[in-house]
Amino acid sequence: MSSSSEPSSAAPAGEIVDADLWVQKASFSLIGPYLPSSWRQWLRIGERIPTGGTIELPESQYFVPGAALKRGQTLEDPQSEVGPHLDRTGLRAAVFNPGAATSISGLASPLLAAEAARAVNEWTADRWLQDDGRLLGSIVVSLTDPRRAAEEIRRAATADARMAQVVIAYPPRLLGDRWFHPIYEAAAEASLPIVLQSGGDYSGANPGLTAVGNPVTPFEAFVGWEAGGPPHLVSLILNGVFDRFPHLRVVLSGFGVAWLPATVWRLDMEYRAGRVSVPASLTRLPSEYLSDHVRFTTSVLELPADPEDLERLLSLVSGERLLVFGSGPLRGDEPDGLAAVPPAWHEHLTRNSAELYPAVARAAASA
């Protein structure tokens, strides 16, 4: 992958980091060599099964990957897509998302989920972090066994300093639950933010997000994905996670942000009104935890007819402090994501990137 081209002057990105770059989605076919032979045999990886096809990671029937991501499954050298993307946008760096967190969340076996996550991480380090110094990695973990997940975070972060974040999806409990404390402890120790990725519903063993049935169309499901974000955000804040782990950072990716002001206002209003007892774990205004510990990617950002409307809406909750750039799955029929971000936000995206990803500075120092 070449990194010699000059950045395009049409989209000056400064020091912005792409927090959510999807080029190729991990699958059992790709990570098979990194699995123990016993699991490869059990999964019959590479074999034709009687019903046709091969066994693969579970996937939601509503997943919409985009043309470029589909190409990445068949290209001989999908890594060659990264250099031109970074050159064209002028981004300082990008964090590769293997796209497997939602699928791994749908595996019914905690043992298989943990092995699959480890294999994805080894595949990422081996196949994606060797050629272009501007590319960083994501550690994928399964949430069905927090102890194993914490061990994997420590292993993968120690094995490769270019791992820049931890990616999770479709938690089996609200994220404020003590069940996840081992994961938060390991991520905070390694100075890695945790990214909650939208999706995972209707994948494998996972039910959907509604209590009364499945969406009828992919359009309906796609719009509904953002509904998974607010409950986890509220749970993290109200259950004292950020007081217990003061260095922890959590990023919500793919959930949008237009719902955020209403959620924050309600939290602060109830805190001040005192209509119900405030949890003892809550030591200050909920909105203060938000600005110190939570960020949102621009992946699947809601853009009204007048983009300034969104800018004005987010300004009501200091939204410029909360956003990091994330392109999500590259789509052949859409412009590079920065074109959709108001230019006035670029300075904030730069600062937020630097705060969230110390791995960028470490990688630059070791290059």
Protein backbone atom coordinates (compact mmCIF):
# COMPACT_ATOMS: atom_id res chain seq x y z
CA MET A 1 0.00 0.00 0.00
CA SER A 2 1.47 3.27 -1.03
CA SER A 3 1.49 6.30 1.23
CA SER A 4 3.47 8.62 -1.02
CA SER A 5 0.64 10.51 -2.71
CA GLU A 6 -0.16 14.03 -1.56
CA PRO A 7 -3.50 14.53 0.23
CA SER A 8 -6.28 16.03 -1.84
CA SER A 9 -6.72 19.78 -1.29
CA ALA A 10 -10.46 19.32 -1.81
CA ALA A 11 -10.87 17.67 1.59
CA PRO A 12 -8.24 18.97 4.03
CA ALA A 13 -8.40 16.61 7.00
CA GLY A 14 -5.44 17.82 9.06
CA GLU A 15 -4.74 15.33 11.82
CA ILE A 16 -8.13 13.60 11.78
CA VAL A 17 -8.19 9.85 12.45
CA ASP A 18 -10.81 7.62 10.84
CA ALA A 19 -12.11 5.67 13.85
CA ASP A 20 -14.17 3.14 11.90
CA LEU A 21 -12.73 2.06 8.55
CA TRP A 22 -14.27 -1.06 7.03
CA VAL A 23 -12.60 -2.48 3.93
CA GLN A 24 -12.93 -6.23 4.35
CA LYS A 25 -15.18 -8.12 6.75
CA ALA A 26 -13.60 -11.01 8.65
CA SER A 27 -15.18 -14.41 8.03
CA PHE A 28 -14.44 -18.00 9.00
CA SER A 29 -12.93 -18.46 5.55
CA LEU A 30 -10.41 -15.69 6.27
CA ILE A 31 -9.65 -16.42 9.92
CA GLY A 32 -9.66 -20.21 9.58
CA PRO A 33 -5.84 -20.47 9.52
CA TYR A 34 -5.73 -18.67 12.88
CA LEU A 35 -8.15 -21.09 14.60
CA PRO A 36 -7.02 -24.29 16.35
CA SER A 37 -7.32 -27.34 14.12
CA SER A 38 -10.00 -28.81 16.38
CA TRP A 39 -12.28 -25.84 15.75
CA ARG A 40 -11.52 -25.86 12.01
CA GLN A 41 -12.59 -29.50 11.85
CA TRP A 42 -15.68 -28.93 13.97
CA LEU A 43 -16.74 -25.98 11.80
CA ARG A 44 -15.78 -27.84 8.59
CA ILE A 45 -14.11 -24.68 7.34
CA GLY A 46 -13.41 -24.88 3.64
CA GLU A 47 -15.65 -27.91 3.12
CA ARG A 48 -18.80 -27.94 1.07
CA ILE A 49 -21.70 -28.83 3.31
CA PRO A 50 -24.65 -30.99 2.14
CA THR A 51 -26.99 -28.02 1.87
CA GLY A 52 -24.51 -26.14 -0.33
CA GLY A 53 -22.03 -23.40 0.50
CA THR A 54 -19.75 -23.36 3.53
CA ILE A 55 -20.24 -22.55 7.20
CA GLU A 56 -19.58 -18.88 7.97
CA LEU A 57 -19.94 -16.42 10.83
CA PRO A 58 -23.60 -15.59 11.55
CA GLU A 59 -24.92 -12.49 9.83
CA SER A 60 -28.05 -10.40 10.15
CA GLN A 61 -30.49 -10.75 7.28
CA TYR A 62 -30.67 -6.95 7.30
CA PHE A 63 -26.94 -6.22 7.03
CA VAL A 64 -26.22 -3.69 4.25
CA PRO A 65 -22.46 -3.81 3.60
CA GLY A 66 -22.08 -1.58 0.54
CA ALA A 67 -20.41 -2.30 -2.77
CA ALA A 68 -16.82 -1.63 -1.70
CA LEU A 69 -17.04 -3.97 1.31
CA LYS A 70 -18.44 -6.72 -0.91
CA ARG A 71 -15.49 -6.14 -3.25
CA GLY A 72 -13.16 -6.59 -0.30
CA GLN A 73 -14.34 -10.18 0.10
CA THR A 74 -13.21 -11.09 -3.40
CA LEU A 75 -10.25 -8.82 -4.12
CA GLU A 76 -6.88 -10.55 -4.14
CA ASP A 77 -5.36 -7.56 -2.34
CA PRO A 78 -8.07 -5.61 -0.45
CA GLN A 79 -5.32 -3.84 1.51
CA SER A 80 -4.62 -1.87 -1.66
CA GLU A 81 -7.88 0.03 -1.04
CA VAL A 82 -6.56 1.66 2.14
CA GLY A 83 -3.68 3.77 0.83
CA PRO A 84 -5.75 5.53 -1.85
CA HIS A 85 -8.54 6.18 0.66
CA LEU A 86 -6.16 7.86 3.10
CA ASP A 87 -4.37 9.75 0.32
CA ARG A 88 -7.62 10.99 -1.15
CA THR A 89 -9.07 12.20 2.15
CA GLY A 90 -5.84 13.44 3.71
CA LEU A 91 -6.59 11.59 6.96
CA ARG A 92 -3.67 11.19 9.32
CA ALA A 93 -4.56 7.59 10.14
CA ALA A 94 -7.40 5.09 10.16
CA VAL A 95 -8.44 2.36 12.59
CA PHE A 96 -9.34 -0.81 10.71
CA ASN A 97 -12.58 -2.41 11.86
CA PRO A 98 -12.74 -6.10 10.84
CA GLY A 99 -16.54 -5.94 11.02
CA ALA A 100 -16.78 -9.19 12.96
CA ALA A 101 -18.04 -7.97 16.34
CA THR A 102 -21.72 -8.22 15.38
CA SER A 103 -21.27 -11.72 13.97
CA ILE A 104 -19.28 -12.97 16.96
CA SER A 105 -22.00 -11.65 19.27
CA GLY A 106 -24.41 -14.05 17.56
CA LEU A 107 -22.38 -17.20 18.28
CA ALA A 108 -24.18 -19.29 20.90
CA SER A 109 -21.03 -20.92 22.28
CA PRO A 110 -18.92 -18.63 24.52
CA LEU A 111 -15.91 -20.86 23.83
CA LEU A 112 -16.23 -20.56 20.07
CA ALA A 113 -16.93 -16.82 20.33
CA ALA A 114 -13.73 -16.29 22.33
CA GLU A 115 -11.64 -18.36 19.87
CA ALA A 116 -13.17 -16.57 16.88
CA ALA A 117 -12.41 -13.17 18.42
CA ARG A 118 -8.80 -14.13 19.07
CA ALA A 119 -8.44 -15.42 15.51
CA VAL A 120 -9.90 -12.18 14.10
CA ASN A 121 -7.40 -10.14 16.10
CA GLU A 122 -4.44 -12.23 14.96
CA TRP A 123 -5.66 -11.98 11.35
CA THR A 124 -5.97 -8.19 11.71
CA ALA A 125 -2.43 -7.81 13.06
CA ASP A 126 -0.94 -10.20 10.51
CA ARG A 127 -2.82 -9.11 7.38
CA TRP A 128 -3.62 -5.44 7.92
CA LEU A 129 -1.05 -3.75 10.15
CA GLN A 130 2.18 -4.55 8.35
CA ASP A 131 2.31 -2.35 5.25
CA ASP A 132 0.91 1.14 5.79
CA GLY A 133 2.01 2.95 8.95
CA ARG A 134 -1.18 5.00 8.93
CA LEU A 135 -3.38 1.97 9.61
CA LEU A 136 -4.18 0.88 13.18
CA GLY A 137 -6.16 -2.09 14.46
CA SER A 138 -9.23 -2.94 16.53
CA ILE A 139 -9.36 -5.69 19.15
CA VAL A 140 -12.64 -7.60 18.83
CA VAL A 141 -13.93 -9.44 21.90
CA SER A 142 -16.99 -11.50 22.77
CA LEU A 143 -19.13 -10.23 25.64
CA THR A 144 -20.45 -13.65 26.68
CA ASP A 145 -17.33 -14.34 28.78
CA PRO A 146 -15.87 -11.10 30.21
CA ARG A 147 -12.91 -12.83 31.85
CA ARG A 148 -11.74 -14.31 28.55
CA ALA A 149 -12.45 -10.98 26.84
CA ALA A 150 -10.23 -9.14 29.33
CA GLU A 151 -7.45 -11.69 28.79
CA GLU A 152 -7.73 -11.19 25.03
CA ILE A 153 -7.54 -7.40 25.34
CA ARG A 154 -4.34 -7.69 27.35
CA ARG A 155 -2.87 -10.30 24.99
CA ALA A 156 -3.65 -8.45 21.76
CA ALA A 157 -2.63 -5.02 23.10
CA THR A 158 0.70 -6.42 24.31
CA ALA A 159 1.33 -8.38 21.10
CA ASP A 160 0.88 -5.34 18.83
CA ALA A 161 1.09 -1.71 19.99
CA ARG A 162 -0.79 -0.66 16.86
CA MET A 163 -4.06 -1.94 18.31
CA ALA A 164 -5.94 1.30 19.02
CA GLN A 165 -9.36 0.31 20.36
CA VAL A 166 -11.64 -2.50 21.53
CA VAL A 167 -14.78 -3.22 19.48
CA ILE A 168 -17.88 -4.86 20.93
CA ALA A 169 -21.43 -5.36 19.65
CA TYR A 170 -24.88 -6.45 20.80
CA PRO A 171 -24.18 -6.75 24.57
CA PRO A 172 -26.24 -9.42 26.33
CA ARG A 173 -26.78 -6.98 29.23
CA LEU A 174 -26.86 -3.20 29.53
CA LEU A 175 -23.29 -1.92 29.58
CA GLY A 176 -23.56 -0.47 33.09
CA ASP A 177 -23.82 -4.01 34.49
CA ARG A 178 -20.96 -5.17 36.75
CA TRP A 179 -20.67 -8.21 34.47
CA PHE A 180 -18.53 -6.13 32.11
CA HIS A 181 -16.12 -4.68 34.70
CA PRO A 182 -13.22 -7.03 33.78
CA ILE A 183 -13.42 -5.76 30.19
CA TYR A 184 -13.45 -2.11 31.28
CA GLU A 185 -10.51 -2.69 33.60
CA ALA A 186 -8.40 -4.28 30.85
CA ALA A 187 -9.26 -1.57 28.30
CA ALA A 188 -8.48 1.23 30.75
CA GLU A 189 -5.15 -0.39 31.67
CA ALA A 190 -4.18 -0.43 28.00
CA SER A 191 -5.50 3.13 27.39
CA LEU A 192 -7.83 1.78 24.71
CA PRO A 193 -11.32 3.19 24.09
CA ILE A 194 -14.19 0.74 23.84
CA VAL A 195 -16.32 1.08 20.70
CA LEU A 196 -19.90 -0.13 20.86
CA GLN A 197 -20.82 -0.89 17.26
CA SER A 198 -24.44 -0.85 16.17
CA GLY A 199 -26.02 -4.03 14.81
CA GLY A 200 -25.83 -7.67 15.83
CA ASP A 201 -29.58 -8.00 16.21
CA TYR A 202 -31.11 -10.85 14.18
CA SER A 203 -27.61 -12.42 13.86
CA GLY A 204 -27.20 -16.07 14.81
CA ALA A 205 -28.48 -16.64 18.36
CA ASN A 206 -29.31 -12.95 18.86
CA PRO A 207 -32.94 -11.83 18.91
CA GLY A 208 -33.93 -8.44 17.55
CA LEU A 209 -34.37 -5.12 19.29
CA THR A 210 -38.16 -5.21 19.35
CA ALA A 211 -40.34 -7.25 21.71
CA VAL A 212 -43.12 -7.96 19.23
CA GLY A 213 -41.50 -9.15 16.02
CA ASN A 214 -39.01 -8.43 13.28
CA PRO A 215 -38.92 -5.46 10.91
CA VAL A 216 -40.53 -6.14 7.54
CA THR A 217 -37.84 -4.47 5.41
CA PRO A 218 -34.10 -3.72 5.63
CA PHE A 219 -35.03 -0.01 5.54
CA GLU A 220 -37.06 -0.39 8.73
CA ALA A 221 -34.30 -2.38 10.43
CA PHE A 222 -31.58 0.05 9.38
CA VAL A 223 -33.48 3.04 10.80
CA GLY A 224 -34.18 1.12 14.01
CA TRP A 225 -30.54 0.25 14.76
CA GLU A 226 -29.99 3.56 16.54
CA ALA A 227 -32.51 2.49 19.21
CA GLY A 228 -29.86 0.22 20.73
CA GLY A 229 -27.57 3.09 21.71
CA PRO A 230 -29.44 5.24 24.27
CA PRO A 231 -30.17 2.47 26.84
CA HIS A 232 -26.49 1.50 27.01
CA LEU A 233 -25.41 5.14 27.35
CA VAL A 234 -27.88 5.75 30.19
CA SER A 235 -26.81 2.52 31.91
CA LEU A 236 -23.10 3.40 31.75
CA ILE A 237 -23.67 6.82 33.30
CA LEU A 238 -26.19 5.90 36.00
CA ASN A 239 -24.36 2.78 37.21
CA GLY A 240 -21.13 4.60 38.05
CA VAL A 241 -18.91 2.95 35.43
CA PHE A 242 -16.97 6.14 34.76
CA ASP A 243 -16.33 6.83 38.45
CA ARG A 244 -15.06 3.29 38.93
CA PHE A 245 -12.94 3.49 35.75
CA PRO A 246 -12.01 7.19 35.46
CA HIS A 247 -9.74 6.67 32.45
CA LEU A 248 -12.27 4.68 30.43
CA ARG A 249 -13.54 6.09 27.12
CA VAL A 250 -16.56 4.65 25.28
CA VAL A 251 -17.42 5.37 21.65
CA LEU A 252 -20.87 4.73 20.15
CA SER A 253 -20.57 4.05 16.42
CA GLY A 254 -23.38 3.77 13.91
CA PHE A 255 -26.14 4.91 16.28
CA GLY A 256 -26.38 8.47 14.99
CA VAL A 257 -26.46 11.49 17.30
CA ALA A 258 -29.71 13.39 16.66
CA TRP A 259 -31.34 11.65 19.65
CA LEU A 260 -28.59 12.78 22.01
CA PRO A 261 -29.87 16.20 23.19
CA ALA A 262 -33.23 14.79 24.29
CA THR A 263 -31.55 11.95 26.22
CA VAL A 264 -29.04 14.25 27.94
CA TRP A 265 -31.68 16.83 28.83
CA ARG A 266 -33.89 14.15 30.37
CA LEU A 267 -31.01 12.76 32.44
CA ASP A 268 -30.03 16.18 33.77
CA MET A 269 -33.66 17.20 34.36
CA GLU A 270 -34.38 14.11 36.47
CA TYR A 271 -31.12 14.58 38.37
CA ARG A 272 -32.09 18.15 39.30
CA ALA A 273 -35.80 17.47 39.91
CA GLY A 274 -35.24 14.72 42.46
CA ARG A 275 -38.55 13.01 41.66
CA VAL A 276 -36.85 9.67 42.25
CA SER A 277 -33.77 8.83 44.27
CA VAL A 278 -30.56 9.55 42.40
CA PRO A 279 -28.29 6.48 42.31
CA ALA A 280 -25.50 6.75 44.87
CA SER A 281 -23.06 5.99 42.06
CA LEU A 282 -23.96 9.27 40.35
CA THR A 283 -21.77 12.00 41.81
CA ARG A 284 -22.34 14.82 39.30
CA LEU A 285 -24.57 15.88 36.43
CA PRO A 286 -25.00 13.09 33.85
CA SER A 287 -24.01 15.47 31.04
CA GLU A 288 -20.62 15.98 32.70
CA TYR A 289 -19.85 12.27 32.41
CA LEU A 290 -20.82 12.43 28.78
CA SER A 291 -18.35 15.15 27.85
CA ASP A 292 -15.51 13.48 29.76
CA HIS A 293 -15.99 9.86 28.76
CA VAL A 294 -18.21 9.32 25.71
CA ARG A 295 -17.72 9.99 22.02
CA PHE A 296 -19.78 9.27 18.89
CA THR A 297 -18.54 8.52 15.38
CA THR A 298 -19.89 10.23 12.31
CA SER A 299 -20.60 6.81 10.77
CA VAL A 300 -24.26 6.77 9.67
CA LEU A 301 -24.59 10.37 10.83
CA GLU A 302 -28.05 11.84 10.36
CA LEU A 303 -27.79 14.64 7.81
CA PRO A 304 -30.91 16.81 7.35
CA ALA A 305 -31.56 18.77 4.17
CA ASP A 306 -29.67 21.66 5.76
CA PRO A 307 -26.57 20.21 7.50
CA GLU A 308 -26.37 23.32 9.66
CA ASP A 309 -29.53 22.16 11.43
CA LEU A 310 -27.62 19.20 12.89
CA GLU A 311 -24.72 21.45 13.83
CA ARG A 312 -27.10 23.77 15.70
CA LEU A 313 -28.82 20.84 17.42
CA LEU A 314 -25.58 19.34 18.70
CA SER A 315 -24.26 22.70 19.82
CA LEU A 316 -26.94 22.58 22.53
CA VAL A 317 -25.03 19.73 24.21
CA SER A 318 -21.49 20.81 23.24
CA GLY A 319 -21.61 18.28 20.42
CA GLU A 320 -18.34 19.50 18.93
CA ARG A 321 -16.58 17.86 21.92
CA LEU A 322 -18.30 14.53 21.34
CA LEU A 323 -17.66 13.59 17.71
CA VAL A 324 -14.88 11.60 16.07
CA PHE A 325 -14.78 10.84 12.39
CA GLY A 326 -15.73 7.34 11.25
CA SER A 327 -16.36 6.40 7.65
CA GLY A 328 -17.92 2.99 8.39
CA PRO A 329 -18.17 0.47 5.53
CA LEU A 330 -16.71 2.00 2.40
CA ARG A 331 -19.47 2.24 -0.20
CA GLY A 332 -18.73 2.64 -3.85
CA ASP A 333 -21.80 4.80 -4.44
CA GLU A 334 -21.06 7.39 -1.72
CA PRO A 335 -18.43 10.14 -1.35
CA ASP A 336 -15.67 9.81 1.21
CA GLY A 337 -17.28 10.51 4.56
CA LEU A 338 -15.53 13.80 5.31
CA ALA A 339 -17.43 15.45 2.47
CA ALA A 340 -20.59 15.07 4.57
CA VAL A 341 -19.09 16.60 7.72
CA PRO A 342 -19.45 20.40 8.11
CA PRO A 343 -15.99 21.98 7.61
CA ALA A 344 -16.43 23.88 10.87
CA TRP A 345 -16.26 20.54 12.70
CA HIS A 346 -12.90 19.46 11.29
CA GLU A 347 -10.88 21.23 13.96
CA HIS A 348 -12.90 19.50 16.67
CA LEU A 349 -12.55 16.12 14.98
CA THR A 350 -8.78 16.62 14.96
CA ARG A 351 -8.61 17.41 18.67
CA ASN A 352 -10.99 14.61 19.62
CA SER A 353 -8.95 12.12 17.58
CA ALA A 354 -5.74 13.06 19.38
CA GLU A 355 -7.38 12.64 22.80
CA LEU A 356 -8.99 9.32 21.96
CA TYR A 357 -6.14 7.57 20.14
CA PRO A 358 -2.76 7.80 21.87
CA ALA A 359 -1.87 4.76 19.73
CA VAL A 360 -1.52 7.14 16.77
CA ALA A 361 1.27 9.03 18.51
CA ARG A 362 2.92 5.76 19.60
CA ALA A 363 2.82 4.43 16.03
CA ALA A 364 4.31 7.67 14.65
CA ALA A 365 7.11 7.55 17.21
CA SER A 366 8.02 3.95 16.33
CA ALA A 367 7.79 4.44 12.53
